Amino acid sequence: MANSTKELAELKAYLEKKLEELRQEEKVLETMIKLVNEALGSSSFVKASELVQRPTEKMEQEKPATSTREEKPIEESLITAMQSAEKLARVIVYPRRIEIVFLKDFNINTPPFQNFFVRRLLEGFKRQDEDLIARGEKSPDEIITYNIEEEGGTLKRIIIENYGDRDRIREIKSALRWTLNRMLEKT
């Protein structure tokens, strides 16, 4: 009995320590998101009207494949590296979808793409939508969906359907910029 009590006490201490570590990580991530949002607001986005005024051959080559819907973009921006201002991805926002076109080669398995961007962000949005559907506050055809296109493990494009509102656009861009900059550090 004394042995199992000791083991339970050790388990409790471990769990409390782990919980505190996760709380600290959450605080760090929230701070990083705030910093990313500030940086995004000041440097990385280019208005679609500016892109149209200065088209180049390279930009024409980087355009995503045309959609069968032929919607006009409501916003277009570039995600750039924080240190070098290198172009990492183009984000094109349409009324019901977002297209992310990668301008640099990133491996789909490089952290934190799967754990943070896919599982935490996109799957988190999906869970939120499922909760809203269960409560009758959202229609099932309005649930966020996404398709990640890759070739040989290299990210090419992500299409996010039914992204929701402007806050989600901002969150997706912020998370993408943070994720790609972390991935860039690991390459």
N, C-alpha and C. Protein backbone atom coordinates (compact mmCIF):
# COMPACT_ATOMS: atom_id res chain seq x y z
N MET A 1 0.82 -1.20 0.00
CA MET A 1 0.00 0.00 0.00
C MET A 1 0.87 1.26 0.00
N ALA A 2 1.91 1.26 0.81
CA ALA A 2 2.78 2.44 0.89
C ALA A 2 3.49 2.68 -0.43
N ASN A 3 3.84 1.58 -1.11
CA ASN A 3 4.51 1.69 -2.40
C ASN A 3 3.58 2.32 -3.44
N SER A 4 2.31 1.91 -3.48
CA SER A 4 1.39 2.48 -4.46
C SER A 4 1.06 3.93 -4.12
N THR A 5 1.03 4.27 -2.86
CA THR A 5 0.80 5.66 -2.45
C THR A 5 1.95 6.54 -2.92
N LYS A 6 3.16 6.01 -2.76
CA LYS A 6 4.34 6.75 -3.22
C LYS A 6 4.29 6.94 -4.74
N GLU A 7 3.91 5.89 -5.47
CA GLU A 7 3.82 5.99 -6.93
C GLU A 7 2.74 6.98 -7.35
N LEU A 8 1.62 6.97 -6.64
CA LEU A 8 0.56 7.93 -6.95
C LEU A 8 1.02 9.36 -6.68
N ALA A 9 1.75 9.54 -5.59
CA ALA A 9 2.26 10.88 -5.27
C ALA A 9 3.25 11.34 -6.34
N GLU A 10 4.11 10.42 -6.80
CA GLU A 10 5.06 10.76 -7.87
C GLU A 10 4.32 11.08 -9.16
N LEU A 11 3.29 10.30 -9.47
CA LEU A 11 2.49 10.55 -10.66
C LEU A 11 1.81 11.90 -10.59
N LYS A 12 1.27 12.22 -9.41
CA LYS A 12 0.61 13.52 -9.23
C LYS A 12 1.61 14.66 -9.43
N ALA A 13 2.80 14.52 -8.84
CA ALA A 13 3.83 15.55 -8.99
C ALA A 13 4.22 15.71 -10.46
N TYR A 14 4.36 14.60 -11.16
CA TYR A 14 4.69 14.65 -12.58
C TYR A 14 3.61 15.37 -13.38
N LEU A 15 2.34 15.00 -13.12
CA LEU A 15 1.22 15.61 -13.84
C LEU A 15 1.13 17.10 -13.57
N GLU A 16 1.33 17.50 -12.32
CA GLU A 16 1.29 18.93 -11.98
C GLU A 16 2.41 19.68 -12.69
N LYS A 17 3.61 19.06 -12.71
CA LYS A 17 4.75 19.69 -13.40
C LYS A 17 4.46 19.83 -14.89
N LYS A 18 3.93 18.76 -15.49
CA LYS A 18 3.61 18.77 -16.92
C LYS A 18 2.55 19.83 -17.23
N LEU A 19 1.53 19.93 -16.39
CA LEU A 19 0.48 20.92 -16.58
C LEU A 19 1.05 22.33 -16.52
N GLU A 20 1.95 22.58 -15.60
CA GLU A 20 2.57 23.90 -15.48
C GLU A 20 3.41 24.20 -16.73
N GLU A 21 4.14 23.19 -17.23
CA GLU A 21 4.92 23.38 -18.45
C GLU A 21 4.02 23.74 -19.63
N LEU A 22 2.88 23.06 -19.72
CA LEU A 22 1.94 23.36 -20.82
C LEU A 22 1.35 24.76 -20.68
N ARG A 23 1.09 25.18 -19.47
CA ARG A 23 0.59 26.54 -19.26
C ARG A 23 1.63 27.57 -19.67
N GLN A 24 2.90 27.29 -19.34
CA GLN A 24 3.97 28.19 -19.74
C GLN A 24 4.10 28.23 -21.26
N GLU A 25 3.99 27.05 -21.89
CA GLU A 25 4.06 26.99 -23.35
C GLU A 25 2.92 27.78 -23.98
N GLU A 26 1.72 27.69 -23.40
CA GLU A 26 0.58 28.44 -23.91
C GLU A 26 0.86 29.94 -23.84
N LYS A 27 1.43 30.40 -22.72
CA LYS A 27 1.75 31.83 -22.58
C LYS A 27 2.76 32.26 -23.63
N VAL A 28 3.78 31.43 -23.85
CA VAL A 28 4.80 31.75 -24.85
C VAL A 28 4.17 31.81 -26.24
N LEU A 29 3.31 30.84 -26.56
CA LEU A 29 2.66 30.83 -27.88
C LEU A 29 1.77 32.05 -28.06
N GLU A 30 1.04 32.44 -27.01
CA GLU A 30 0.19 33.63 -27.11
C GLU A 30 1.04 34.87 -27.35
N THR A 31 2.17 34.97 -26.67
CA THR A 31 3.07 36.11 -26.88
C THR A 31 3.62 36.10 -28.30
N MET A 32 3.98 34.92 -28.78
CA MET A 32 4.51 34.81 -30.14
C MET A 32 3.45 35.20 -31.16
N ILE A 33 2.22 34.79 -30.93
CA ILE A 33 1.15 35.16 -31.86
C ILE A 33 0.96 36.68 -31.88
N LYS A 34 1.02 37.31 -30.71
CA LYS A 34 0.91 38.78 -30.67
C LYS A 34 2.04 39.43 -31.46
N LEU A 35 3.26 38.93 -31.28
CA LEU A 35 4.41 39.48 -32.00
C LEU A 35 4.27 39.26 -33.51
N VAL A 36 3.81 38.09 -33.88
CA VAL A 36 3.60 37.79 -35.30
C VAL A 36 2.54 38.71 -35.88
N ASN A 37 1.45 38.90 -35.15
CA ASN A 37 0.39 39.80 -35.63
C ASN A 37 0.92 41.21 -35.84
N GLU A 38 1.74 41.69 -34.90
CA GLU A 38 2.32 43.03 -35.05
C GLU A 38 3.24 43.09 -36.26
N ALA A 39 4.07 42.07 -36.42
CA ALA A 39 4.98 42.05 -37.56
C ALA A 39 4.22 41.95 -38.87
N LEU A 40 3.18 41.14 -38.88
CA LEU A 40 2.38 41.00 -40.10
C LEU A 40 1.72 42.32 -40.47
N GLY A 41 1.23 42.99 -39.49
CA GLY A 41 0.55 44.25 -39.74
C GLY A 41 1.49 45.31 -40.30
N SER A 42 2.77 45.20 -39.97
CA SER A 42 3.68 46.25 -40.39
C SER A 42 4.53 45.92 -41.61
N SER A 43 4.68 44.60 -41.95
CA SER A 43 5.65 44.36 -42.99
C SER A 43 5.31 43.35 -44.07
N SER A 44 4.57 42.33 -43.80
CA SER A 44 4.59 41.23 -44.76
C SER A 44 3.49 41.23 -45.80
N PHE A 45 2.50 42.05 -45.66
CA PHE A 45 1.41 41.95 -46.62
C PHE A 45 1.52 43.01 -47.71
N VAL A 46 1.16 42.60 -48.90
CA VAL A 46 1.10 43.49 -50.05
C VAL A 46 -0.33 43.47 -50.53
N LYS A 47 -0.93 44.65 -50.68
CA LYS A 47 -2.31 44.71 -51.13
C LYS A 47 -2.43 44.17 -52.55
N ALA A 48 -3.56 43.58 -52.85
CA ALA A 48 -3.79 43.02 -54.18
C ALA A 48 -3.67 44.11 -55.25
N SER A 49 -4.13 45.31 -54.94
CA SER A 49 -4.05 46.39 -55.92
C SER A 49 -2.60 46.73 -56.26
N GLU A 50 -1.69 46.62 -55.27
CA GLU A 50 -0.27 46.86 -55.53
C GLU A 50 0.30 45.75 -56.40
N LEU A 51 -0.12 44.52 -56.17
CA LEU A 51 0.37 43.41 -56.98
C LEU A 51 -0.07 43.55 -58.43
N VAL A 52 -1.29 44.02 -58.65
CA VAL A 52 -1.81 44.19 -60.01
C VAL A 52 -1.05 45.30 -60.72
N GLN A 53 -0.65 46.35 -60.00
CA GLN A 53 0.04 47.48 -60.61
C GLN A 53 1.46 47.14 -61.04
N ARG A 54 2.06 46.09 -60.46
CA ARG A 54 3.44 45.75 -60.81
C ARG A 54 3.62 44.26 -61.09
N PRO A 55 2.87 43.72 -62.07
CA PRO A 55 3.03 42.30 -62.37
C PRO A 55 4.39 42.03 -63.00
N THR A 56 4.94 40.88 -62.70
CA THR A 56 6.20 40.46 -63.31
C THR A 56 6.01 39.06 -63.86
N GLU A 57 6.96 38.64 -64.69
CA GLU A 57 6.87 37.29 -65.23
C GLU A 57 6.86 36.26 -64.11
N LYS A 58 7.69 36.48 -63.09
CA LYS A 58 7.76 35.53 -61.98
C LYS A 58 6.42 35.44 -61.27
N MET A 59 5.77 36.56 -61.04
CA MET A 59 4.48 36.55 -60.36
C MET A 59 3.45 35.82 -61.21
N GLU A 60 3.53 35.98 -62.53
CA GLU A 60 2.60 35.30 -63.41
C GLU A 60 2.79 33.79 -63.30
N GLN A 61 4.05 33.35 -63.19
CA GLN A 61 4.34 31.93 -63.06
C GLN A 61 3.87 31.39 -61.72
N GLU A 62 3.87 32.21 -60.69
CA GLU A 62 3.54 31.76 -59.34
C GLU A 62 2.05 31.72 -59.07
N LYS A 63 1.23 32.23 -59.99
CA LYS A 63 -0.22 32.25 -59.76
C LYS A 63 -0.75 30.83 -59.63
N PRO A 64 -1.71 30.63 -58.73
CA PRO A 64 -2.27 29.29 -58.58
C PRO A 64 -3.13 28.91 -59.78
N ALA A 65 -3.36 27.61 -59.90
CA ALA A 65 -4.23 27.13 -60.98
C ALA A 65 -5.61 27.76 -60.82
N THR A 66 -6.24 28.09 -61.91
CA THR A 66 -7.54 28.75 -61.83
C THR A 66 -8.59 27.78 -61.33
N SER A 67 -9.47 28.31 -60.57
CA SER A 67 -10.55 27.52 -59.99
C SER A 67 -11.68 27.40 -60.99
N THR A 68 -12.46 26.36 -60.84
CA THR A 68 -13.60 26.20 -61.73
C THR A 68 -14.66 27.27 -61.46
N ARG A 69 -14.60 27.89 -60.30
CA ARG A 69 -15.59 28.91 -59.95
C ARG A 69 -15.28 30.28 -60.51
N GLU A 70 -14.02 30.53 -60.84
CA GLU A 70 -13.60 31.82 -61.38
C GLU A 70 -14.03 33.00 -60.52
N GLU A 71 -13.91 32.84 -59.21
CA GLU A 71 -14.21 33.94 -58.30
C GLU A 71 -13.06 34.95 -58.35
N LYS A 72 -13.40 36.19 -58.04
CA LYS A 72 -12.36 37.21 -57.96
C LYS A 72 -11.86 37.28 -56.52
N PRO A 73 -10.54 37.40 -56.35
CA PRO A 73 -10.00 37.50 -55.00
C PRO A 73 -10.45 38.79 -54.32
N ILE A 74 -10.68 38.69 -53.03
CA ILE A 74 -11.02 39.89 -52.26
C ILE A 74 -9.79 40.45 -51.56
N GLU A 75 -8.74 39.62 -51.50
CA GLU A 75 -7.50 40.05 -50.84
C GLU A 75 -6.38 39.12 -51.30
N GLU A 76 -5.20 39.69 -51.45
CA GLU A 76 -4.03 38.89 -51.80
C GLU A 76 -2.85 39.45 -51.04
N SER A 77 -2.05 38.56 -50.47
CA SER A 77 -0.91 39.01 -49.69
C SER A 77 0.24 38.02 -49.79
N LEU A 78 1.41 38.50 -49.43
CA LEU A 78 2.60 37.67 -49.42
C LEU A 78 3.02 37.41 -47.99
N ILE A 79 3.46 36.20 -47.74
CA ILE A 79 4.05 35.86 -46.45
C ILE A 79 5.55 35.86 -46.69
N THR A 80 6.27 36.63 -45.89
CA THR A 80 7.71 36.77 -46.08
C THR A 80 8.47 36.31 -44.85
N ALA A 81 9.75 36.01 -45.08
CA ALA A 81 10.62 35.62 -43.97
C ALA A 81 10.88 36.85 -43.10
N MET A 82 10.87 36.65 -41.80
CA MET A 82 11.08 37.77 -40.88
C MET A 82 12.47 38.36 -41.00
N GLN A 83 13.48 37.53 -41.20
CA GLN A 83 14.86 38.01 -41.24
C GLN A 83 15.26 38.56 -42.60
N SER A 84 14.89 37.85 -43.67
CA SER A 84 15.42 38.20 -44.99
C SER A 84 14.41 38.83 -45.93
N ALA A 85 13.14 38.83 -45.56
CA ALA A 85 12.05 39.32 -46.41
C ALA A 85 11.87 38.46 -47.67
N GLU A 86 12.44 37.25 -47.67
CA GLU A 86 12.26 36.31 -48.77
C GLU A 86 10.78 35.93 -48.86
N LYS A 87 10.27 35.83 -50.07
CA LYS A 87 8.87 35.45 -50.28
C LYS A 87 8.71 33.96 -50.01
N LEU A 88 7.82 33.63 -49.08
CA LEU A 88 7.62 32.23 -48.69
C LEU A 88 6.33 31.66 -49.26
N ALA A 89 5.27 32.47 -49.28
CA ALA A 89 3.98 31.99 -49.76
C ALA A 89 3.11 33.17 -50.15
N ARG A 90 2.16 32.87 -51.04
CA ARG A 90 1.15 33.85 -51.43
C ARG A 90 -0.18 33.35 -50.87
N VAL A 91 -0.93 34.25 -50.24
CA VAL A 91 -2.24 33.92 -49.69
C VAL A 91 -3.28 34.70 -50.49
N ILE A 92 -4.19 33.96 -51.12
CA ILE A 92 -5.23 34.58 -51.94
C ILE A 92 -6.56 34.25 -51.29
N VAL A 93 -7.28 35.31 -50.90
CA VAL A 93 -8.55 35.13 -50.20
C VAL A 93 -9.69 35.40 -51.17
N TYR A 94 -10.56 34.42 -51.28
CA TYR A 94 -11.78 34.52 -52.08
C TYR A 94 -12.96 34.57 -51.10
N PRO A 95 -14.15 34.87 -51.58
CA PRO A 95 -15.28 34.96 -50.66
C PRO A 95 -15.52 33.70 -49.81
N ARG A 96 -15.25 32.51 -50.35
CA ARG A 96 -15.51 31.30 -49.56
C ARG A 96 -14.31 30.36 -49.42
N ARG A 97 -13.15 30.79 -49.91
CA ARG A 97 -11.97 29.93 -49.79
C ARG A 97 -10.70 30.77 -49.73
N ILE A 98 -9.67 30.13 -49.21
CA ILE A 98 -8.34 30.72 -49.18
C ILE A 98 -7.41 29.76 -49.90
N GLU A 99 -6.57 30.30 -50.78
CA GLU A 99 -5.56 29.49 -51.44
C GLU A 99 -4.20 29.98 -50.96
N ILE A 100 -3.41 29.04 -50.50
CA ILE A 100 -2.04 29.32 -50.09
C ILE A 100 -1.13 28.65 -51.10
N VAL A 101 -0.33 29.44 -51.79
CA VAL A 101 0.59 28.92 -52.80
C VAL A 101 2.01 29.11 -52.25
N PHE A 102 2.74 28.02 -52.12
CA PHE A 102 4.09 28.09 -51.58
C PHE A 102 5.06 28.55 -52.65
N LEU A 103 5.86 29.55 -52.32
CA LEU A 103 6.83 30.13 -53.24
C LEU A 103 8.24 29.61 -52.97
N LYS A 104 8.37 28.87 -51.89
CA LYS A 104 9.64 28.25 -51.50
C LYS A 104 9.33 26.80 -51.18
N ASP A 105 10.30 25.94 -51.40
CA ASP A 105 10.11 24.52 -51.11
C ASP A 105 10.16 24.26 -49.61
N PHE A 106 9.08 23.71 -49.08
CA PHE A 106 9.01 23.31 -47.68
C PHE A 106 8.55 21.86 -47.64
N ASN A 107 9.23 21.05 -46.82
CA ASN A 107 8.84 19.66 -46.66
C ASN A 107 7.64 19.59 -45.73
N ILE A 108 6.65 18.81 -46.11
CA ILE A 108 5.41 18.69 -45.35
C ILE A 108 5.65 18.16 -43.93
N ASN A 109 6.77 17.44 -43.73
CA ASN A 109 7.06 16.85 -42.42
C ASN A 109 7.94 17.71 -41.53
N THR A 110 8.36 18.89 -42.02
CA THR A 110 9.19 19.76 -41.20
C THR A 110 8.33 20.39 -40.11
N PRO A 111 8.74 20.23 -38.85
CA PRO A 111 7.99 20.86 -37.75
C PRO A 111 8.06 22.37 -37.88
N PRO A 112 7.06 23.09 -37.46
CA PRO A 112 5.84 22.65 -36.78
C PRO A 112 4.62 22.60 -37.70
N PHE A 113 4.81 22.29 -38.99
CA PHE A 113 3.70 22.35 -39.93
C PHE A 113 2.54 21.43 -39.52
N GLN A 114 2.82 20.15 -39.34
CA GLN A 114 1.74 19.22 -39.02
C GLN A 114 1.16 19.48 -37.63
N ASN A 115 2.03 19.59 -36.63
CA ASN A 115 1.53 19.74 -35.25
C ASN A 115 0.84 21.07 -35.00
N PHE A 116 1.42 22.14 -35.49
CA PHE A 116 0.84 23.46 -35.18
C PHE A 116 -0.17 23.89 -36.24
N PHE A 117 0.28 24.03 -37.49
CA PHE A 117 -0.61 24.62 -38.50
C PHE A 117 -1.80 23.71 -38.82
N VAL A 118 -1.53 22.42 -39.02
CA VAL A 118 -2.62 21.51 -39.41
C VAL A 118 -3.44 21.10 -38.20
N ARG A 119 -2.78 20.47 -37.22
CA ARG A 119 -3.55 19.90 -36.10
C ARG A 119 -4.13 20.95 -35.16
N ARG A 120 -3.31 21.91 -34.76
CA ARG A 120 -3.78 22.88 -33.79
C ARG A 120 -4.68 23.94 -34.43
N LEU A 121 -4.27 24.48 -35.57
CA LEU A 121 -5.04 25.57 -36.17
C LEU A 121 -6.22 25.07 -37.01
N LEU A 122 -5.92 24.37 -38.11
CA LEU A 122 -6.99 23.97 -39.03
C LEU A 122 -7.95 22.97 -38.39
N GLU A 123 -7.42 21.96 -37.73
CA GLU A 123 -8.29 20.98 -37.06
C GLU A 123 -9.03 21.64 -35.89
N GLY A 124 -8.40 22.63 -35.26
CA GLY A 124 -9.08 23.38 -34.19
C GLY A 124 -10.29 24.14 -34.73
N PHE A 125 -10.12 24.78 -35.90
CA PHE A 125 -11.25 25.46 -36.54
C PHE A 125 -12.35 24.45 -36.88
N LYS A 126 -11.94 23.29 -37.36
CA LYS A 126 -12.91 22.26 -37.73
C LYS A 126 -13.72 21.81 -36.50
N ARG A 127 -13.04 21.62 -35.37
CA ARG A 127 -13.74 21.24 -34.14
C ARG A 127 -14.71 22.34 -33.70
N GLN A 128 -14.28 23.61 -33.82
CA GLN A 128 -15.17 24.72 -33.47
C GLN A 128 -16.42 24.69 -34.34
N ASP A 129 -16.23 24.48 -35.64
CA ASP A 129 -17.37 24.42 -36.56
C ASP A 129 -18.29 23.25 -36.23
N GLU A 130 -17.70 22.11 -35.91
CA GLU A 130 -18.51 20.93 -35.55
C GLU A 130 -19.34 21.21 -34.30
N ASP A 131 -18.76 21.93 -33.34
CA ASP A 131 -19.51 22.31 -32.13
C ASP A 131 -20.68 23.22 -32.49
N LEU A 132 -20.43 24.19 -33.38
CA LEU A 132 -21.49 25.11 -33.80
C LEU A 132 -22.59 24.37 -34.55
N ILE A 133 -22.22 23.39 -35.34
CA ILE A 133 -23.21 22.58 -36.07
C ILE A 133 -24.04 21.79 -35.07
N ALA A 134 -23.38 21.18 -34.08
CA ALA A 134 -24.09 20.39 -33.07
C ALA A 134 -25.09 21.25 -32.29
N ARG A 135 -24.75 22.53 -32.09
CA ARG A 135 -25.66 23.44 -31.38
C ARG A 135 -26.68 24.09 -32.31
N GLY A 136 -26.61 23.77 -33.61
CA GLY A 136 -27.56 24.32 -34.57
C GLY A 136 -27.25 25.75 -34.98
N GLU A 137 -26.04 26.23 -34.70
CA GLU A 137 -25.67 27.61 -35.01
C GLU A 137 -24.98 27.73 -36.37
N LYS A 138 -24.71 26.60 -37.00
CA LYS A 138 -24.03 26.60 -38.29
C LYS A 138 -24.54 25.42 -39.09
N SER A 139 -24.62 25.59 -40.39
CA SER A 139 -25.07 24.53 -41.28
C SER A 139 -23.91 23.57 -41.58
N PRO A 140 -24.18 22.27 -41.74
CA PRO A 140 -23.11 21.32 -42.03
C PRO A 140 -22.31 21.64 -43.30
N ASP A 141 -22.93 22.31 -44.27
CA ASP A 141 -22.19 22.64 -45.48
C ASP A 141 -21.29 23.87 -45.30
N GLU A 142 -21.28 24.44 -44.10
CA GLU A 142 -20.43 25.59 -43.81
C GLU A 142 -19.18 25.22 -43.00
N ILE A 143 -18.96 23.92 -42.78
CA ILE A 143 -17.80 23.49 -42.00
C ILE A 143 -16.52 23.73 -42.79
N ILE A 144 -15.49 24.15 -42.09
CA ILE A 144 -14.21 24.39 -42.76
C ILE A 144 -13.63 23.06 -43.24
N THR A 145 -13.11 23.08 -44.45
CA THR A 145 -12.41 21.92 -45.00
C THR A 145 -11.11 22.42 -45.61
N TYR A 146 -10.16 21.53 -45.75
CA TYR A 146 -8.90 21.94 -46.36
C TYR A 146 -8.30 20.78 -47.13
N ASN A 147 -7.51 21.13 -48.13
CA ASN A 147 -6.80 20.15 -48.95
C ASN A 147 -5.36 20.62 -49.07
N ILE A 148 -4.44 19.76 -48.66
CA ILE A 148 -3.01 20.09 -48.74
C ILE A 148 -2.44 19.36 -49.95
N GLU A 149 -1.93 20.14 -50.89
CA GLU A 149 -1.34 19.57 -52.09
C GLU A 149 0.18 19.56 -51.95
N GLU A 150 0.77 18.38 -52.18
CA GLU A 150 2.22 18.26 -52.09
C GLU A 150 2.71 17.33 -53.18
N GLU A 151 3.98 17.47 -53.51
CA GLU A 151 4.62 16.62 -54.52
C GLU A 151 5.91 16.10 -53.93
N GLY A 152 5.98 14.79 -53.74
CA GLY A 152 7.19 14.20 -53.18
C GLY A 152 7.54 14.75 -51.81
N GLY A 153 6.53 15.11 -51.03
CA GLY A 153 6.76 15.65 -49.69
C GLY A 153 6.96 17.15 -49.65
N THR A 154 6.98 17.81 -50.82
CA THR A 154 7.15 19.26 -50.88
C THR A 154 5.79 19.93 -50.99
N LEU A 155 5.52 20.85 -50.08
CA LEU A 155 4.24 21.57 -50.09
C LEU A 155 4.12 22.41 -51.36
N LYS A 156 2.96 22.33 -52.01
CA LYS A 156 2.70 23.12 -53.21
C LYS A 156 1.60 24.13 -52.97
N ARG A 157 0.49 23.65 -52.38
CA ARG A 157 -0.66 24.54 -52.21
C ARG A 157 -1.58 23.98 -51.14
N ILE A 158 -2.27 24.89 -50.46
CA ILE A 158 -3.33 24.51 -49.52
C ILE A 158 -4.57 25.28 -49.93
N ILE A 159 -5.69 24.58 -50.02
CA ILE A 159 -6.97 25.22 -50.30
C ILE A 159 -7.84 25.02 -49.07
N ILE A 160 -8.29 26.13 -48.50
CA ILE A 160 -9.14 26.10 -47.31
C ILE A 160 -10.52 26.61 -47.71
N GLU A 161 -11.51 25.75 -47.65
CA GLU A 161 -12.89 26.12 -48.01
C GLU A 161 -13.66 26.48 -46.74
N ASN A 162 -14.62 27.39 -46.87
CA ASN A 162 -15.49 27.79 -45.76
C ASN A 162 -14.68 28.24 -44.55
N TYR A 163 -13.72 29.14 -44.79
CA TYR A 163 -12.83 29.57 -43.72
C TYR A 163 -13.52 30.35 -42.61
N GLY A 164 -14.66 30.95 -42.92
CA GLY A 164 -15.38 31.68 -41.88
C GLY A 164 -15.26 33.18 -42.02
N ASP A 165 -14.82 33.83 -40.96
CA ASP A 165 -14.83 35.30 -40.91
C ASP A 165 -13.43 35.91 -41.03
N ARG A 166 -13.38 37.23 -40.94
CA ARG A 166 -12.12 37.97 -41.08
C ARG A 166 -11.12 37.59 -39.99
N ASP A 167 -11.61 37.29 -38.79
CA ASP A 167 -10.71 36.89 -37.71
C ASP A 167 -9.95 35.62 -38.08
N ARG A 168 -10.65 34.70 -38.71
CA ARG A 168 -9.99 33.45 -39.11
C ARG A 168 -8.96 33.70 -40.22
N ILE A 169 -9.26 34.61 -41.12
CA ILE A 169 -8.28 34.96 -42.16
C ILE A 169 -7.01 35.45 -41.49
N ARG A 170 -7.17 36.36 -40.54
CA ARG A 170 -6.03 36.93 -39.82
C ARG A 170 -5.27 35.84 -39.08
N GLU A 171 -5.99 34.96 -38.40
CA GLU A 171 -5.34 33.87 -37.65
C GLU A 171 -4.59 32.93 -38.58
N ILE A 172 -5.18 32.60 -39.72
CA ILE A 172 -4.52 31.71 -40.67
C ILE A 172 -3.23 32.34 -41.18
N LYS A 173 -3.29 33.62 -41.56
CA LYS A 173 -2.09 34.30 -42.05
C LYS A 173 -1.01 34.38 -40.98
N SER A 174 -1.41 34.74 -39.77
CA SER A 174 -0.44 34.85 -38.68
C SER A 174 0.21 33.51 -38.38
N ALA A 175 -0.61 32.49 -38.27
CA ALA A 175 -0.09 31.15 -37.96
C ALA A 175 0.80 30.65 -39.10
N LEU A 176 0.40 30.92 -40.35
CA LEU A 176 1.20 30.49 -41.49
C LEU A 176 2.56 31.17 -41.48
N ARG A 177 2.58 32.45 -41.23
CA ARG A 177 3.86 33.18 -41.23
C ARG A 177 4.76 32.65 -40.12
N TRP A 178 4.21 32.46 -38.93
CA TRP A 178 5.01 31.93 -37.83
C TRP A 178 5.53 30.53 -38.17
N THR A 179 4.63 29.68 -38.68
CA THR A 179 4.99 28.30 -39.01
C THR A 179 6.09 28.25 -40.07
N LEU A 180 5.92 29.01 -41.15
CA LEU A 180 6.91 28.97 -42.23
C LEU A 180 8.26 29.51 -41.78
N ASN A 181 8.24 30.53 -40.92
CA ASN A 181 9.52 31.05 -40.41
C ASN A 181 10.21 30.03 -39.51
N ARG A 182 9.45 29.28 -38.71
CA ARG A 182 10.05 28.21 -37.90
C ARG A 182 10.58 27.10 -38.80
N MET A 183 9.82 26.75 -39.84
CA MET A 183 10.27 25.72 -40.78
C MET A 183 11.53 26.16 -41.51
N LEU A 184 11.60 27.44 -41.84
CA LEU A 184 12.77 27.99 -42.53
C LEU A 184 14.02 27.83 -41.67
N GLU A 185 13.87 28.03 -40.36
CA GLU A 185 14.99 27.88 -39.44
C GLU A 185 15.51 26.44 -39.42
N LYS A 186 14.64 25.49 -39.70
CA LYS A 186 15.01 24.07 -39.61
C LYS A 186 15.55 23.51 -40.92
N THR A 187 15.56 24.35 -41.98
CA THR A 187 16.06 23.85 -43.27
C THR A 187 17.48 24.32 -43.53
